[in-house]
Amino acid sequence: MSVVTRTRPLAKMAAPMASRAVGVSSVRAYNGTPRAQNKVTVVGAAGGIGQPMSLLMKLSGKIDHLSLFDIVNTPGVAADIGHCNSKGKVMGYKGAEEMAAALDGSDVVVIPAGVPRKPGMTRDDLFNTNASIVKGIAEQCAKSCPKACFLIISNPVNSTVPIFSEVLKASGVYDPAKLMGVTTLDVARAKTFVAENQGMDVDKVEVDVIGGHAGTTIMPLLSQVKGANFTEEDIKALTHRIQFGGDEVVKAKDGAGSATLSMAHAGAYFAEKVLDGLNGVKGIKECTFVESPLTSAPFFASPCTLGTEGVSEIHGYGQLSAFEQSLVDDNVPALVKMAQKGIDFVKNN
């Protein structure tokens, strides 16, 4: 499969749109006019990912209104986080009857809601429970904040993002530029593990991770890491560790949880970058799982430019090594199947 960089304005994109692999650049200076108010809503804010992620987002100082929603306990989480001396008010909402108020007028909605992984579980094992949760959230988002950017963390992302898209389509409010699966943790792991392996400064390592967000569909492009000198054994071992880093955490926690803290960091980081793009900061490129024309899979992660309307450009993933090309060839059919599973769920429920 030849790989060509594709960029195009999303305003002209009806259905297909794409994503990108990382490029964790630290763009801080504003190059545009900030919005009058930045409202970010976290759905699932009282959970293992939601609480630390909400804290990190409050501490960023970039959010004027942080709205926290969950089924229980959210007012307490909001009160606690609200005492932190950083910019922005924090409001907590709980129960289905308050979801509309929590979402109303949001610029960005970050969704870590759902049940966590347990030892022995794959992301696909979570499908039946989390699919229903995500579908319900999408239905309310379509009513309360149809123009927001939706950042999906709820697993299995390879299926929950297609679920969200189908619900928005059914409501006539789907914008492919504003629906993104958060794959930033795969990039964070890749940067960390490569830096350890190569003795590099982790703050300067760049690794693009393409594909999906589950097992072997996570495809780090180690051949493109500048300044690295990997052995064949290194590449195989690092690729496997990046793909199954979540299992490493689940095992280490010995039944007490999954990768909540690192996912909170990744989710907050990506949400901040999306918000920067919405506010006019230029040159932001991050990996995200979006509707994409790059392969036969309807959704695919690759490098994307984030702009004032969400994803503004979709980039290809460059020249692959033979090993990486085999990963793409082997895993695109799985991504097609996982996306179809999400689409079928919405059609049948």
Protein backbone atom coordinates (compact mmCIF):
# COMPACT_ATOMS: atom_id res chain seq x y z
CA MET A 1 0.00 0.00 0.00
CA SER A 2 1.51 3.31 -1.00
CA VAL A 3 1.34 5.97 1.63
CA VAL A 4 0.83 9.57 0.58
CA THR A 5 0.38 12.60 2.79
CA ARG A 6 -3.13 13.89 2.35
CA THR A 7 -4.24 17.27 3.51
CA ARG A 8 -7.49 18.97 2.76
CA PRO A 9 -9.83 21.49 4.37
CA LEU A 10 -12.42 19.69 6.42
CA ALA A 11 -15.12 22.10 5.41
CA LYS A 12 -15.08 20.34 2.04
CA MET A 13 -15.12 16.86 3.57
CA ALA A 14 -18.51 15.20 3.59
CA ALA A 15 -17.76 11.85 5.12
CA PRO A 16 -14.14 10.76 4.98
CA MET A 17 -11.65 12.49 7.14
CA ALA A 18 -8.45 11.47 8.81
CA SER A 19 -6.12 11.46 11.70
CA ARG A 20 -2.46 11.69 12.36
CA ALA A 21 0.34 10.18 14.33
CA VAL A 22 1.93 12.27 17.04
CA GLY A 23 4.01 15.33 16.98
CA VAL A 24 3.95 16.34 20.58
CA SER A 25 5.03 19.90 20.04
CA SER A 26 4.70 22.39 22.86
CA VAL A 27 2.90 25.29 21.23
CA ARG A 28 2.10 27.87 23.87
CA ALA A 29 1.81 31.33 22.28
CA TYR A 30 -1.58 32.37 20.98
CA ASN A 31 -1.67 33.27 17.31
CA GLY A 32 -5.36 34.05 17.15
CA THR A 33 -8.21 35.55 19.11
CA PRO A 34 -9.26 33.46 22.14
CA ARG A 35 -12.89 32.50 22.50
CA ALA A 36 -15.03 34.54 24.87
CA GLN A 37 -15.26 31.48 27.09
CA ASN A 38 -13.79 28.01 26.89
CA LYS A 39 -16.18 25.43 28.29
CA VAL A 40 -14.92 21.88 28.61
CA THR A 41 -17.12 19.07 29.90
CA VAL A 42 -15.78 15.78 31.26
CA VAL A 43 -18.31 12.94 31.10
CA GLY A 44 -17.25 10.29 33.58
CA ALA A 45 -15.54 12.84 35.80
CA ALA A 46 -15.86 10.89 39.06
CA GLY A 47 -14.06 7.80 37.78
CA GLY A 48 -10.46 6.61 37.93
CA ILE A 49 -9.50 8.52 34.79
CA GLY A 50 -11.99 11.35 35.14
CA GLN A 51 -10.88 12.67 38.53
CA PRO A 52 -7.14 13.08 37.87
CA MET A 53 -7.80 14.24 34.31
CA SER A 54 -10.21 16.91 35.54
CA LEU A 55 -7.62 18.06 38.07
CA LEU A 56 -4.95 18.37 35.37
CA MET A 57 -7.33 20.30 33.15
CA LYS A 58 -8.17 22.72 35.95
CA LEU A 59 -4.47 23.27 36.62
CA SER A 60 -3.83 24.07 32.94
CA GLY A 61 -5.34 27.52 33.45
CA LYS A 62 -6.80 27.44 29.94
CA ILE A 63 -10.40 26.57 30.77
CA ASP A 64 -12.89 29.22 31.82
CA HIS A 65 -15.64 26.73 32.69
CA LEU A 66 -14.87 23.13 33.61
CA SER A 67 -18.09 21.14 33.75
CA LEU A 68 -17.90 17.74 35.46
CA PHE A 69 -20.56 15.07 34.94
CA ASP A 70 -21.03 11.55 36.23
CA ILE A 71 -23.77 9.36 37.62
CA VAL A 72 -22.65 9.90 41.24
CA ASN A 73 -20.18 11.89 43.36
CA THR A 74 -19.47 14.68 40.88
CA PRO A 75 -20.47 17.64 43.08
CA GLY A 76 -17.84 16.55 45.60
CA VAL A 77 -15.18 16.14 42.93
CA ALA A 78 -16.03 19.59 41.57
CA ALA A 79 -15.89 21.19 45.01
CA ASP A 80 -12.50 19.61 45.69
CA ILE A 81 -10.95 20.56 42.35
CA GLY A 82 -12.57 23.99 42.52
CA HIS A 83 -10.39 24.89 45.50
CA CYS A 84 -7.25 24.74 43.35
CA ASN A 85 -5.88 28.22 42.75
CA SER A 86 -5.94 28.24 38.97
CA LYS A 87 -8.12 29.94 36.39
CA GLY A 88 -11.69 28.78 35.76
CA LYS A 89 -14.88 27.88 37.56
CA VAL A 90 -15.76 24.25 38.18
CA MET A 91 -19.32 22.93 38.25
CA GLY A 92 -20.42 19.41 39.15
CA TYR A 93 -23.50 17.62 37.83
CA LYS A 94 -24.74 14.13 38.64
CA GLY A 95 -27.47 11.82 37.40
CA ALA A 96 -29.06 11.53 33.98
CA GLU A 97 -31.41 14.43 34.70
CA GLU A 98 -28.44 16.85 34.93
CA MET A 99 -26.50 15.69 31.88
CA ALA A 100 -28.08 18.25 29.55
CA ALA A 101 -27.10 21.14 31.83
CA ALA A 102 -23.56 19.80 32.13
CA LEU A 103 -23.14 19.60 28.36
CA ASP A 104 -24.96 22.75 27.31
CA GLY A 105 -22.73 25.14 25.35
CA SER A 106 -19.58 23.02 25.58
CA ASP A 107 -16.68 23.70 23.22
CA VAL A 108 -15.00 20.39 24.03
CA VAL A 109 -16.45 17.22 25.56
CA VAL A 110 -13.99 14.63 26.88
CA ILE A 111 -15.50 11.20 27.52
CA PRO A 112 -13.72 8.67 29.76
CA ALA A 113 -17.06 7.21 30.92
CA GLY A 114 -17.56 3.45 31.13
CA VAL A 115 -16.33 0.42 33.03
CA PRO A 116 -12.57 -0.05 33.40
CA ARG A 117 -10.51 -2.98 32.23
CA LYS A 118 -9.84 -5.80 34.69
CA PRO A 119 -7.20 -8.56 34.62
CA GLY A 120 -7.76 -10.89 31.69
CA MET A 121 -10.10 -8.49 29.89
CA THR A 122 -9.44 -7.14 26.42
CA ARG A 123 -10.85 -3.82 25.30
CA ASP A 124 -13.32 -5.76 23.21
CA ASP A 125 -14.64 -7.49 26.35
CA LEU A 126 -15.84 -4.07 27.44
CA PHE A 127 -17.90 -3.57 24.32
CA ASN A 128 -21.40 -4.54 25.41
CA THR A 129 -21.46 -2.35 28.52
CA ASN A 130 -19.53 0.62 27.20
CA ALA A 131 -21.28 0.65 23.83
CA SER A 132 -24.59 1.39 25.53
CA ILE A 133 -23.03 4.06 27.72
CA VAL A 134 -21.36 5.82 24.80
CA LYS A 135 -24.50 5.65 22.67
CA GLY A 136 -26.52 7.36 25.42
CA ILE A 137 -23.91 10.08 25.87
CA ALA A 138 -23.78 10.72 22.12
CA GLU A 139 -27.57 11.08 21.99
CA GLN A 140 -27.50 13.78 24.65
CA CYS A 141 -24.49 15.53 23.08
CA ALA A 142 -26.36 15.71 19.78
CA LYS A 143 -29.08 17.68 21.57
CA SER A 144 -27.10 19.80 24.02
CA CYS A 145 -23.81 20.66 22.28
CA PRO A 146 -23.89 19.47 18.65
CA LYS A 147 -21.05 21.81 17.60
CA ALA A 148 -18.59 20.70 20.28
CA CYS A 149 -15.43 18.69 19.67
CA PHE A 150 -15.93 15.18 21.07
CA LEU A 151 -12.84 13.39 22.43
CA ILE A 152 -13.53 9.70 23.05
CA ILE A 153 -11.53 7.78 25.66
CA SER A 154 -14.13 5.12 26.48
CA ASN A 155 -12.92 1.72 25.33
CA PRO A 156 -12.94 0.00 22.93
CA VAL A 157 -12.11 3.22 21.07
CA ASN A 158 -11.93 1.36 17.74
CA SER A 159 -15.68 0.73 18.11
CA THR A 160 -16.92 3.54 20.35
CA VAL A 161 -15.83 6.30 17.97
CA PRO A 162 -17.88 4.73 15.14
CA ILE A 163 -20.81 4.40 17.58
CA PHE A 164 -20.60 8.11 18.36
CA SER A 165 -20.43 9.01 14.68
CA GLU A 166 -23.52 6.97 13.83
CA VAL A 167 -25.56 8.61 16.58
CA LEU A 168 -24.52 12.09 15.44
CA LYS A 169 -25.32 11.18 11.84
CA ALA A 170 -28.78 10.01 12.84
CA SER A 171 -29.36 13.39 14.47
CA GLY A 172 -28.03 15.28 11.45
CA VAL A 173 -25.19 16.95 13.37
CA TYR A 174 -22.14 14.86 12.49
CA ASP A 175 -18.98 16.82 11.70
CA PRO A 176 -16.02 14.46 11.11
CA ALA A 177 -13.60 17.26 11.98
CA LYS A 178 -14.90 17.30 15.54
CA LEU A 179 -14.96 13.62 16.48
CA MET A 180 -11.63 12.22 17.71
CA GLY A 181 -10.60 9.06 19.47
CA VAL A 182 -7.86 9.80 22.01
CA THR A 183 -4.79 7.70 21.18
CA THR A 184 -2.34 10.02 22.92
CA LEU A 185 -1.45 7.44 25.57
CA ASP A 186 -0.02 5.18 22.85
CA VAL A 187 2.21 8.07 21.80
CA ALA A 188 3.20 8.84 25.40
CA ARG A 189 4.21 5.22 25.93
CA ALA A 190 6.12 5.13 22.65
CA LYS A 191 8.08 8.26 23.56
CA THR A 192 8.81 6.94 27.07
CA PHE A 193 9.92 3.45 25.99
CA VAL A 194 11.98 4.69 23.03
CA ALA A 195 13.75 7.26 25.21
CA GLU A 196 14.60 4.55 27.74
CA ASN A 197 15.84 2.17 25.04
CA GLN A 198 17.94 4.74 23.19
CA GLY A 199 19.14 6.86 26.10
CA MET A 200 17.40 9.91 24.62
CA ASP A 201 15.77 12.94 26.23
CA VAL A 202 12.11 11.95 26.47
CA ASP A 203 11.06 15.57 25.97
CA LYS A 204 12.72 15.61 22.54
CA VAL A 205 11.66 12.20 21.22
CA GLU A 206 8.96 12.16 18.55
CA VAL A 207 7.17 8.93 17.64
CA ASP A 208 4.15 8.71 15.37
CA VAL A 209 1.68 5.97 16.28
CA ILE A 210 -0.92 5.06 13.68
CA GLY A 211 -3.82 2.64 13.33
CA GLY A 212 -6.13 2.11 16.29
CA HIS A 213 -6.16 1.93 20.06
CA ALA A 214 -6.18 -1.77 20.92
CA GLY A 215 -3.45 -4.39 20.88
CA THR A 216 -1.82 -4.96 17.52
CA THR A 217 -3.87 -2.18 15.87
CA ILE A 218 -1.52 0.20 17.72
CA MET A 219 1.33 0.68 15.24
CA PRO A 220 4.34 2.79 16.30
CA LEU A 221 6.49 4.01 13.41
CA LEU A 222 9.87 3.36 14.97
CA SER A 223 11.65 3.48 11.62
CA GLN A 224 10.88 7.20 11.47
CA VAL A 225 12.33 8.15 14.87
CA LYS A 226 15.13 10.63 14.21
CA GLY A 227 18.50 9.77 15.70
CA ALA A 228 17.47 6.27 16.83
CA ASN A 229 19.49 3.14 16.12
CA PHE A 230 17.29 0.13 16.80
CA THR A 231 18.19 -3.51 16.39
CA GLU A 232 15.57 -5.78 14.89
CA GLU A 233 15.02 -7.23 18.37
CA ASP A 234 14.55 -3.72 19.78
CA ILE A 235 11.86 -2.93 17.21
CA LYS A 236 9.90 -6.09 17.89
CA ALA A 237 10.15 -5.76 21.68
CA LEU A 238 9.32 -2.05 21.74
CA THR A 239 6.41 -2.46 19.33
CA HIS A 240 4.92 -5.20 21.51
CA ARG A 241 5.41 -3.21 24.70
CA ILE A 242 3.77 -0.11 23.20
CA GLN A 243 0.87 -2.20 21.88
CA PHE A 244 0.27 -3.96 25.19
CA GLY A 245 1.37 -1.29 27.66
CA GLY A 246 -2.11 -1.27 29.14
CA ASP A 247 -1.79 -4.94 30.06
CA GLU A 248 1.50 -4.14 31.81
CA VAL A 249 -0.31 -1.67 34.09
CA VAL A 250 -3.30 -3.93 34.71
CA LYS A 251 -0.95 -6.74 35.78
CA ALA A 252 1.16 -4.43 37.97
CA LYS A 253 -1.93 -3.15 39.77
CA ASP A 254 -2.85 -6.76 40.54
CA GLY A 255 -6.58 -6.40 40.02
CA ALA A 256 -6.81 -2.93 41.56
CA GLY A 257 -7.32 -1.04 38.31
CA SER A 258 -6.02 -0.16 34.87
CA ALA A 259 -3.99 2.68 33.34
CA THR A 260 -5.94 5.53 34.90
CA LEU A 261 -3.22 8.05 35.78
CA SER A 262 -1.26 7.87 32.53
CA MET A 263 -4.54 7.98 30.60
CA ALA A 264 -5.60 11.04 32.62
CA HIS A 265 -2.33 12.74 31.63
CA ALA A 266 -2.79 11.81 27.97
CA GLY A 267 -6.44 12.87 27.90
CA ALA A 268 -5.76 16.22 29.54
CA TYR A 269 -2.82 16.86 27.23
CA PHE A 270 -4.84 16.12 24.09
CA ALA A 271 -7.83 18.14 25.26
CA GLU A 272 -5.50 21.10 25.89
CA LYS A 273 -4.10 20.80 22.36
CA VAL A 274 -7.59 20.67 20.85
CA LEU A 275 -8.54 23.74 22.87
CA ASP A 276 -5.40 25.56 21.72
CA GLY A 277 -6.33 24.79 18.13
CA LEU A 278 -9.87 26.07 18.63
CA ASN A 279 -8.41 29.26 20.07
CA GLY A 280 -6.25 29.87 17.00
CA VAL A 281 -2.85 28.53 18.02
CA LYS A 282 -1.04 27.49 14.83
CA GLY A 283 1.04 24.43 14.03
CA ILE A 284 -0.53 21.87 16.36
CA LYS A 285 -0.11 18.31 15.11
CA GLU A 286 -1.22 15.36 17.20
CA CYS A 287 -2.18 11.75 16.72
CA THR A 288 -5.88 10.97 16.85
CA PHE A 289 -8.31 8.29 15.67
CA VAL A 290 -10.71 9.83 13.17
CA GLU A 291 -12.72 9.13 10.06
CA SER A 292 -9.95 8.78 7.53
CA PRO A 293 -9.32 8.25 3.80
CA LEU A 294 -5.85 6.76 4.31
CA THR A 295 -6.84 3.08 4.30
CA SER A 296 -9.93 0.94 3.72
CA ALA A 297 -10.72 1.24 7.44
CA PRO A 298 -13.34 3.97 7.97
CA PHE A 299 -11.49 5.23 11.05
CA PHE A 300 -7.72 5.35 11.38
CA ALA A 301 -5.19 7.17 13.55
CA SER A 302 -2.42 9.16 11.90
CA PRO A 303 -0.97 12.67 12.31
CA CYS A 304 -3.59 15.48 12.12
CA THR A 305 -3.39 19.23 12.32
CA LEU A 306 -5.73 20.73 14.90
CA GLY A 307 -7.34 24.05 14.06
CA THR A 308 -10.18 26.41 14.84
CA GLU A 309 -12.82 23.87 13.75
CA GLY A 310 -11.23 20.71 15.09
CA VAL A 311 -9.12 18.60 12.74
CA SER A 312 -8.17 20.90 9.86
CA GLU A 313 -5.79 18.61 7.96
CA ILE A 314 -5.17 14.88 7.74
CA HIS A 315 -1.66 13.72 7.07
CA GLY A 316 -0.42 10.42 5.75
CA TYR A 317 2.20 8.41 7.57
CA GLY A 318 5.17 8.46 5.23
CA GLN A 319 7.44 5.65 4.13
CA LEU A 320 7.05 2.48 6.20
CA SER A 321 9.55 -0.26 6.89
CA ALA A 322 8.65 -3.76 5.74
CA PHE A 323 7.79 -4.66 9.35
CA GLU A 324 5.51 -1.64 9.73
CA GLN A 325 3.85 -2.26 6.38
CA SER A 326 3.07 -5.82 7.47
CA LEU A 327 1.44 -4.43 10.63
CA VAL A 328 -0.76 -2.13 8.56
CA ASP A 329 -1.67 -4.91 6.13
CA ASP A 330 -2.53 -7.29 8.97
CA ASN A 331 -4.50 -4.83 11.10
CA VAL A 332 -6.56 -2.73 8.70
CA PRO A 333 -9.06 -5.62 8.27
CA ALA A 334 -9.40 -5.78 12.07
CA LEU A 335 -10.08 -2.03 12.21
CA VAL A 336 -12.75 -2.43 9.53
CA LYS A 337 -14.39 -5.18 11.57
CA MET A 338 -14.24 -3.23 14.85
CA ALA A 339 -15.75 -0.14 13.23
CA GLN A 340 -18.54 -2.21 11.70
CA LYS A 341 -19.28 -3.72 15.10
CA GLY A 342 -19.91 -0.22 16.45
CA ILE A 343 -22.00 0.80 13.46
CA ASP A 344 -24.12 -2.37 13.71
CA PHE A 345 -24.67 -1.77 17.42
CA VAL A 346 -26.31 1.60 16.73
CA LYS A 347 -28.40 0.19 13.91
CA ASN A 348 -29.67 -2.67 16.09
CA ASN A 349 -30.27 -0.81 19.36
